[in-house]
């Protein structure tokens, strides 16, 4: 697992996909791939690659047929 602690190191696409997972997870408990592609307006490959990075970093966790948020391991500093 990659130990990314600075969310600013994530790409704009990764943050967009993370926010889509968070939105879907709040609504239905789990985000499904097809719904993420539609919500993000990205290609399947872009979403798949981003999910792989987010999973590797621990920000998103695969669960059954979908994805959930991983533990919050980051803070916002001003």
PDB file of N, CA and C in Angstrom:
ATOM      1  N   UNK A   1       0.843  -1.176   0.000  1.00  0.00           N
ATOM      2  CA  UNK A   1       0.000   0.000   0.000  1.00  0.00           C
ATOM      3  C   UNK A   1       0.887   1.237   0.000  1.00  0.00           C
ATOM      4  N   UNK A   2       0.584   2.207  -0.846  1.00  0.00           N
ATOM      5  CA  UNK A   2       1.301   3.473  -0.890  1.00  0.00           C
ATOM      6  C   UNK A   2       0.887   4.297   0.321  1.00  0.00           C
ATOM      7  N   UNK A   3       1.848   4.950   0.945  1.00  0.00           N
ATOM      8  CA  UNK A   3       1.565   5.761   2.120  1.00  0.00           C
ATOM      9  C   UNK A   3       1.468   7.237   1.740  1.00  0.00           C
ATOM     10  N   UNK A   4       0.467   7.596   0.979  1.00  0.00           N
ATOM     11  CA  UNK A   4       0.252   8.989   0.607  1.00  0.00           C
ATOM     12  C   UNK A   4      -0.476   9.654   1.761  1.00  0.00           C
ATOM     13  N   UNK A   5       0.134  10.651   2.347  1.00  0.00           N
ATOM     14  CA  UNK A   5      -0.493  11.362   3.461  1.00  0.00           C
ATOM     15  C   UNK A   5      -0.998  12.739   3.032  1.00  0.00           C
ATOM     16  N   UNK A   6      -0.472  13.248   1.957  1.00  0.00           N
ATOM     17  CA  UNK A   6      -0.837  14.568   1.484  1.00  0.00           C
ATOM     18  C   UNK A   6      -1.823  14.427   0.335  1.00  0.00           C
ATOM     19  N   UNK A   7      -3.091  14.715   0.600  1.00  0.00           N
ATOM     20  CA  UNK A   7      -4.088  14.561  -0.455  1.00  0.00           C
ATOM     21  C   UNK A   7      -3.828  15.504  -1.619  1.00  0.00           C
ATOM     22  N   UNK A   8      -3.028  16.538  -1.399  1.00  0.00           N
ATOM     23  CA  UNK A   8      -2.685  17.430  -2.496  1.00  0.00           C
ATOM     24  C   UNK A   8      -1.791  16.732  -3.514  1.00  0.00           C
ATOM     25  N   UNK A   9      -1.224  15.577  -3.133  1.00  0.00           N
ATOM     26  CA  UNK A   9      -0.404  14.799  -4.065  1.00  0.00           C
ATOM     27  C   UNK A   9      -1.271  13.992  -5.027  1.00  0.00           C
ATOM     28  N   UNK A  10      -2.574  13.885  -4.737  1.00  0.00           N
ATOM     29  CA  UNK A  10      -3.484  13.180  -5.637  1.00  0.00           C
ATOM     30  C   UNK A  10      -3.803  14.062  -6.837  1.00  0.00           C
ATOM     31  N   UNK A  11      -4.063  13.432  -7.967  1.00  0.00           N
ATOM     32  CA  UNK A  11      -4.410  14.186  -9.174  1.00  0.00           C
ATOM     33  C   UNK A  11      -5.832  14.730  -9.058  1.00  0.00           C
ATOM     34  N   UNK A  12      -6.148  15.670  -9.920  1.00  0.00           N
ATOM     35  CA  UNK A  12      -7.512  16.202  -9.966  1.00  0.00           C
ATOM     36  C   UNK A  12      -8.517  15.097 -10.266  1.00  0.00           C
ATOM     37  N   UNK A  13      -8.141  14.172 -11.149  1.00  0.00           N
ATOM     38  CA  UNK A  13      -9.027  13.047 -11.488  1.00  0.00           C
ATOM     39  C   UNK A  13      -9.253  12.185 -10.251  1.00  0.00           C
ATOM     40  N   UNK A  14      -8.188  11.890  -9.497  1.00  0.00           N
ATOM     41  CA  UNK A  14      -8.323  11.060  -8.296  1.00  0.00           C
ATOM     42  C   UNK A  14      -9.249  11.721  -7.281  1.00  0.00           C
ATOM     43  N   UNK A  15      -9.095  13.012  -7.090  1.00  0.00           N
ATOM     44  CA  UNK A  15      -9.953  13.722  -6.133  1.00  0.00           C
ATOM     45  C   UNK A  15     -11.398  13.723  -6.622  1.00  0.00           C
ATOM     46  N   UNK A  16     -11.594  13.903  -7.913  1.00  0.00           N
ATOM     47  CA  UNK A  16     -12.946  13.871  -8.496  1.00  0.00           C
ATOM     48  C   UNK A  16     -13.593  12.501  -8.273  1.00  0.00           C
ATOM     49  N   UNK A  17     -12.848  11.434  -8.515  1.00  0.00           N
ATOM     50  CA  UNK A  17     -13.373  10.078  -8.331  1.00  0.00           C
ATOM     51  C   UNK A  17     -13.624   9.818  -6.841  1.00  0.00           C
ATOM     52  N   UNK A  18     -12.706  10.258  -5.972  1.00  0.00           N
ATOM     53  CA  UNK A  18     -12.888  10.087  -4.531  1.00  0.00           C
ATOM     54  C   UNK A  18     -14.181  10.772  -4.074  1.00  0.00           C
ATOM     55  N   UNK A  19     -14.392  11.993  -4.543  1.00  0.00           N
ATOM     56  CA  UNK A  19     -15.611  12.718  -4.167  1.00  0.00           C
ATOM     57  C   UNK A  19     -16.864  12.008  -4.683  1.00  0.00           C
ATOM     58  N   UNK A  20     -16.778  11.411  -5.865  1.00  0.00           N
ATOM     59  CA  UNK A  20     -17.923  10.663  -6.401  1.00  0.00           C
ATOM     60  C   UNK A  20     -18.193   9.423  -5.555  1.00  0.00           C
ATOM     61  N   UNK A  21     -17.136   8.740  -5.131  1.00  0.00           N
ATOM     62  CA  UNK A  21     -17.305   7.575  -4.242  1.00  0.00           C
ATOM     63  C   UNK A  21     -17.957   8.029  -2.946  1.00  0.00           C
ATOM     64  N   UNK A  22     -17.466   9.118  -2.378  1.00  0.00           N
ATOM     65  CA  UNK A  22     -18.020   9.620  -1.120  1.00  0.00           C
ATOM     66  C   UNK A  22     -19.497   9.966  -1.270  1.00  0.00           C
ATOM     67  N   UNK A  23     -19.845  10.644  -2.344  1.00  0.00           N
ATOM     68  CA  UNK A  23     -21.234  11.029  -2.588  1.00  0.00           C
ATOM     69  C   UNK A  23     -22.134   9.813  -2.720  1.00  0.00           C
ATOM     70  N   UNK A  24     -21.708   8.852  -3.524  1.00  0.00           N
ATOM     71  CA  UNK A  24     -22.508   7.637  -3.736  1.00  0.00           C
ATOM     72  C   UNK A  24     -22.583   6.810  -2.458  1.00  0.00           C
ATOM     73  N   UNK A  25     -21.492   6.737  -1.713  1.00  0.00           N
ATOM     74  CA  UNK A  25     -21.475   5.933  -0.488  1.00  0.00           C
ATOM     75  C   UNK A  25     -22.429   6.500   0.554  1.00  0.00           C
ATOM     76  N   UNK A  26     -22.516   7.823   0.633  1.00  0.00           N
ATOM     77  CA  UNK A  26     -23.439   8.450   1.576  1.00  0.00           C
ATOM     78  C   UNK A  26     -24.876   8.147   1.180  1.00  0.00           C
ATOM     79  N   UNK A  27     -25.159   8.207  -0.117  1.00  0.00           N
ATOM     80  CA  UNK A  27     -26.520   7.978  -0.605  1.00  0.00           C
ATOM     81  C   UNK A  27     -26.968   6.531  -0.468  1.00  0.00           C
ATOM     82  N   UNK A  28     -26.083   5.586  -0.838  1.00  0.00           N
ATOM     83  CA  UNK A  28     -26.523   4.189  -0.899  1.00  0.00           C
ATOM     84  C   UNK A  28     -25.609   3.210  -0.162  1.00  0.00           C
ATOM     85  N   UNK A  29     -24.592   3.719   0.530  1.00  0.00           N
ATOM     86  CA  UNK A  29     -23.714   2.844   1.289  1.00  0.00           C
ATOM     87  C   UNK A  29     -22.559   2.273   0.493  1.00  0.00           C
ATOM     88  N   UNK A  30     -22.649   2.352  -0.815  1.00  0.00           N
ATOM     89  CA  UNK A  30     -21.603   1.782  -1.666  1.00  0.00           C
ATOM     90  C   UNK A  30     -21.680   2.422  -3.038  1.00  0.00           C
ATOM     91  N   UNK A  31     -20.513   2.645  -3.648  1.00  0.00           N
ATOM     92  CA  UNK A  31     -20.458   3.211  -4.997  1.00  0.00           C
ATOM     93  C   UNK A  31     -20.128   2.100  -5.979  1.00  0.00           C
ATOM     94  N   UNK A  32     -20.891   2.006  -7.040  1.00  0.00           N
ATOM     95  CA  UNK A  32     -20.662   0.986  -8.066  1.00  0.00           C
ATOM     96  C   UNK A  32     -19.972   1.615  -9.271  1.00  0.00           C
ATOM     97  N   UNK A  33     -19.159   0.815  -9.937  1.00  0.00           N
ATOM     98  CA  UNK A  33     -18.315   1.299 -11.025  1.00  0.00           C
ATOM     99  C   UNK A  33     -19.102   2.050 -12.096  1.00  0.00           C
ATOM    100  N   UNK A  34     -20.170   1.463 -12.601  1.00  0.00           N
ATOM    101  CA  UNK A  34     -20.947   2.116 -13.663  1.00  0.00           C
ATOM    102  C   UNK A  34     -21.476   3.476 -13.221  1.00  0.00           C
ATOM    103  N   UNK A  35     -21.936   3.540 -11.987  1.00  0.00           N
ATOM    104  CA  UNK A  35     -22.431   4.805 -11.454  1.00  0.00           C
ATOM    105  C   UNK A  35     -21.323   5.838 -11.310  1.00  0.00           C
ATOM    106  N   UNK A  36     -20.132   5.386 -10.965  1.00  0.00           N
ATOM    107  CA  UNK A  36     -18.999   6.310 -10.855  1.00  0.00           C
ATOM    108  C   UNK A  36     -18.613   6.872 -12.218  1.00  0.00           C
ATOM    109  N   UNK A  37     -18.626   6.019 -13.231  1.00  0.00           N
ATOM    110  CA  UNK A  37     -18.302   6.484 -14.583  1.00  0.00           C
ATOM    111  C   UNK A  37     -19.297   7.561 -15.011  1.00  0.00           C
ATOM    112  N   UNK A  38     -20.584   7.307 -14.770  1.00  0.00           N
ATOM    113  CA  UNK A  38     -21.613   8.296 -15.132  1.00  0.00           C
ATOM    114  C   UNK A  38     -21.464   9.573 -14.307  1.00  0.00           C
ATOM    115  N   UNK A  39     -21.249   9.424 -13.018  1.00  0.00           N
ATOM    116  CA  UNK A  39     -21.157  10.588 -12.135  1.00  0.00           C
ATOM    117  C   UNK A  39     -19.936  11.452 -12.446  1.00  0.00           C
ATOM    118  N   UNK A  40     -18.842  10.819 -12.822  1.00  0.00           N
ATOM    119  CA  UNK A  40     -17.597  11.548 -13.066  1.00  0.00           C
ATOM    120  C   UNK A  40     -17.507  12.120 -14.471  1.00  0.00           C
ATOM    121  N   UNK A  41     -18.217  11.513 -15.420  1.00  0.00           N
ATOM    122  CA  UNK A  41     -18.107  11.955 -16.796  1.00  0.00           C
ATOM    123  C   UNK A  41     -16.734  11.664 -17.389  1.00  0.00           C
ATOM    124  N   UNK A  42     -16.092  10.624 -16.882  1.00  0.00           N
ATOM    125  CA  UNK A  42     -14.774  10.208 -17.357  1.00  0.00           C
ATOM    126  C   UNK A  42     -14.899   8.892 -18.105  1.00  0.00           C
ATOM    127  N   UNK A  43     -13.832   8.484 -18.762  1.00  0.00           N
ATOM    128  CA  UNK A  43     -13.852   7.184 -19.425  1.00  0.00           C
ATOM    129  C   UNK A  43     -13.744   6.076 -18.375  1.00  0.00           C
ATOM    130  N   UNK A  44     -14.135   4.885 -18.758  1.00  0.00           N
ATOM    131  CA  UNK A  44     -14.015   3.741 -17.851  1.00  0.00           C
ATOM    132  C   UNK A  44     -12.561   3.534 -17.434  1.00  0.00           C
ATOM    133  N   UNK A  45     -11.640   3.686 -18.384  1.00  0.00           N
ATOM    134  CA  UNK A  45     -10.221   3.505 -18.065  1.00  0.00           C
ATOM    135  C   UNK A  45      -9.731   4.538 -17.066  1.00  0.00           C
ATOM    136  N   UNK A  46     -10.158   5.780 -17.211  1.00  0.00           N
ATOM    137  CA  UNK A  46      -9.752   6.815 -16.265  1.00  0.00           C
ATOM    138  C   UNK A  46     -10.259   6.509 -14.861  1.00  0.00           C
ATOM    139  N   UNK A  47     -11.508   6.097 -14.760  1.00  0.00           N
ATOM    140  CA  UNK A  47     -12.091   5.780 -13.459  1.00  0.00           C
ATOM    141  C   UNK A  47     -11.415   4.537 -12.881  1.00  0.00           C
ATOM    142  N   UNK A  48     -11.201   3.523 -13.695  1.00  0.00           N
ATOM    143  CA  UNK A  48     -10.549   2.293 -13.241  1.00  0.00           C
ATOM    144  C   UNK A  48      -9.139   2.582 -12.721  1.00  0.00           C
ATOM    145  N   UNK A  49      -8.367   3.378 -13.466  1.00  0.00           N
ATOM    146  CA  UNK A  49      -6.999   3.717 -13.045  1.00  0.00           C
ATOM    147  C   UNK A  49      -7.003   4.524 -11.752  1.00  0.00           C
ATOM    148  N   UNK A  50      -7.918   5.473 -11.656  1.00  0.00           N
ATOM    149  CA  UNK A  50      -8.010   6.289 -10.453  1.00  0.00           C
ATOM    150  C   UNK A  50      -8.418   5.442  -9.246  1.00  0.00           C
ATOM    151  N   UNK A  51      -9.396   4.568  -9.428  1.00  0.00           N
ATOM    152  CA  UNK A  51      -9.806   3.689  -8.322  1.00  0.00           C
ATOM    153  C   UNK A  51      -8.643   2.815  -7.863  1.00  0.00           C
ATOM    154  N   UNK A  52      -7.850   2.344  -8.809  1.00  0.00           N
ATOM    155  CA  UNK A  52      -6.691   1.517  -8.442  1.00  0.00           C
ATOM    156  C   UNK A  52      -5.730   2.313  -7.562  1.00  0.00           C
ATOM    157  N   UNK A  53      -5.468   3.578  -7.917  1.00  0.00           N
ATOM    158  CA  UNK A  53      -4.580   4.413  -7.102  1.00  0.00           C
ATOM    159  C   UNK A  53      -5.198   4.684  -5.739  1.00  0.00           C
ATOM    160  N   UNK A  54      -6.495   5.009  -5.715  1.00  0.00           N
ATOM    161  CA  UNK A  54      -7.165   5.306  -4.449  1.00  0.00           C
ATOM    162  C   UNK A  54      -7.214   4.085  -3.534  1.00  0.00           C
ATOM    163  N   UNK A  55      -7.423   2.906  -4.115  1.00  0.00           N
ATOM    164  CA  UNK A  55      -7.412   1.667  -3.332  1.00  0.00           C
ATOM    165  C   UNK A  55      -6.007   1.411  -2.805  1.00  0.00           C
ATOM    166  N   UNK A  56      -5.015   1.591  -3.656  1.00  0.00           N
ATOM    167  CA  UNK A  56      -3.626   1.357  -3.250  1.00  0.00           C
ATOM    168  C   UNK A  56      -3.217   2.286  -2.112  1.00  0.00           C
ATOM    169  N   UNK A  57      -3.737   3.503  -2.122  1.00  0.00           N
ATOM    170  CA  UNK A  57      -3.442   4.477  -1.067  1.00  0.00           C
ATOM    171  C   UNK A  57      -4.296   4.252   0.182  1.00  0.00           C
ATOM    172  N   UNK A  58      -5.346   3.453   0.055  1.00  0.00           N
ATOM    173  CA  UNK A  58      -6.217   3.178   1.194  1.00  0.00           C
ATOM    174  C   UNK A  58      -7.374   4.149   1.349  1.00  0.00           C
ATOM    175  N   UNK A  59      -7.531   5.090   0.412  1.00  0.00           N
ATOM    176  CA  UNK A  59      -8.616   6.059   0.505  1.00  0.00           C
ATOM    177  C   UNK A  59      -9.964   5.449   0.136  1.00  0.00           C
ATOM    178  N   UNK A  60      -9.944   4.423  -0.708  1.00  0.00           N
ATOM    179  CA  UNK A  60     -11.156   3.732  -1.157  1.00  0.00           C
ATOM    180  C   UNK A  60     -10.924   2.236  -0.958  1.00  0.00           C
ATOM    181  N   UNK A  61     -11.972   1.535  -0.544  1.00  0.00           N
ATOM    182  CA  UNK A  61     -11.877   0.103  -0.266  1.00  0.00           C
ATOM    183  C   UNK A  61     -12.905  -0.646  -1.113  1.00  0.00           C
ATOM    184  N   UNK A  62     -12.466  -1.652  -1.869  1.00  0.00           N
ATOM    185  CA  UNK A  62     -13.454  -2.450  -2.610  1.00  0.00           C
ATOM    186  C   UNK A  62     -14.269  -3.302  -1.635  1.00  0.00           C
ATOM    187  N   UNK A  63     -15.579  -3.317  -1.820  1.00  0.00           N
ATOM    188  CA  UNK A  63     -16.479  -4.117  -0.980  1.00  0.00           C
ATOM    189  C   UNK A  63     -17.505  -4.774  -1.883  1.00  0.00           C
ATOM    190  N   UNK A  64     -17.459  -6.075  -1.982  1.00  0.00           N
ATOM    191  CA  UNK A  64     -18.425  -6.785  -2.812  1.00  0.00           C
ATOM    192  C   UNK A  64     -18.365  -6.298  -4.246  1.00  0.00           C
ATOM    193  N   UNK A  65     -19.476  -5.768  -4.715  1.00  0.00           N
ATOM    194  CA  UNK A  65     -19.549  -5.294  -6.105  1.00  0.00           C
ATOM    195  C   UNK A  65     -19.321  -3.792  -6.223  1.00  0.00           C
ATOM    196  N   UNK A  66     -18.880  -3.152  -5.152  1.00  0.00           N
ATOM    197  CA  UNK A  66     -18.709  -1.702  -5.200  1.00  0.00           C
ATOM    198  C   UNK A  66     -17.511  -1.234  -4.403  1.00  0.00           C
ATOM    199  N   UNK A  67     -17.537   0.035  -4.066  1.00  0.00           N
ATOM    200  CA  UNK A  67     -16.447   0.676  -3.347  1.00  0.00           C
ATOM    201  C   UNK A  67     -17.004   1.507  -2.203  1.00  0.00           C
ATOM    202  N   UNK A  68     -16.250   1.536  -1.105  1.00  0.00           N
ATOM    203  CA  UNK A  68     -16.578   2.360   0.049  1.00  0.00           C
ATOM    204  C   UNK A  68     -15.365   3.211   0.380  1.00  0.00           C
ATOM    205  N   UNK A  69     -15.572   4.205   1.226  1.00  0.00           N
ATOM    206  CA  UNK A  69     -14.443   5.019   1.665  1.00  0.00           C
ATOM    207  C   UNK A  69     -13.597   4.238   2.650  1.00  0.00           C
ATOM    208  N   UNK A  70     -12.289   4.414   2.555  1.00  0.00           N
ATOM    209  CA  UNK A  70     -11.372   3.826   3.522  1.00  0.00           C
ATOM    210  C   UNK A  70     -11.300   4.721   4.749  1.00  0.00           C
ATOM    211  N   UNK A  71     -10.460   4.350   5.707  1.00  0.00           N
ATOM    212  CA  UNK A  71     -10.315   5.186   6.900  1.00  0.00           C
ATOM    213  C   UNK A  71      -9.726   6.545   6.534  1.00  0.00           C
ATOM    214  N   UNK A  72     -10.154   7.559   7.221  1.00  0.00           N
ATOM    215  CA  UNK A  72      -9.628   8.908   6.975  1.00  0.00           C
ATOM    216  C   UNK A  72      -8.247   8.998   7.610  1.00  0.00           C
ATOM    217  N   UNK A  73      -7.247   9.133   6.777  1.00  0.00           N
ATOM    218  CA  UNK A  73      -5.860   9.200   7.271  1.00  0.00           C
ATOM    219  C   UNK A  73      -5.220  10.534   6.923  1.00  0.00           C
ATOM    220  N   UNK A  74      -6.044  11.519   6.610  1.00  0.00           N
ATOM    221  CA  UNK A  74      -5.486  12.807   6.223  1.00  0.00           C
ATOM    222  C   UNK A  74      -6.217  13.927   6.927  1.00  0.00           C
ATOM    223  N   UNK A  75      -5.564  15.060   6.998  1.00  0.00           N
ATOM    224  CA  UNK A  75      -6.137  16.248   7.605  1.00  0.00           C
ATOM    225  C   UNK A  75      -6.002  17.399   6.638  1.00  0.00           C
ATOM    226  N   UNK A  76      -6.787  18.398   6.826  1.00  0.00           N
ATOM    227  CA  UNK A  76      -6.655  19.629   6.059  1.00  0.00           C
ATOM    228  C   UNK A  76      -5.955  20.639   6.961  1.00  0.00           C
ATOM    229  N   UNK A  77      -4.834  21.153   6.475  1.00  0.00           N
ATOM    230  CA  UNK A  77      -4.103  22.164   7.242  1.00  0.00           C
ATOM    231  C   UNK A  77      -4.195  23.490   6.527  1.00  0.00           C
ATOM    232  N   UNK A  78      -4.429  24.530   7.292  1.00  0.00           N
ATOM    233  CA  UNK A  78      -4.535  25.877   6.723  1.00  0.00           C
ATOM    234  C   UNK A  78      -3.330  26.692   7.112  1.00  0.00           C
TER     235      UNK A  78
END
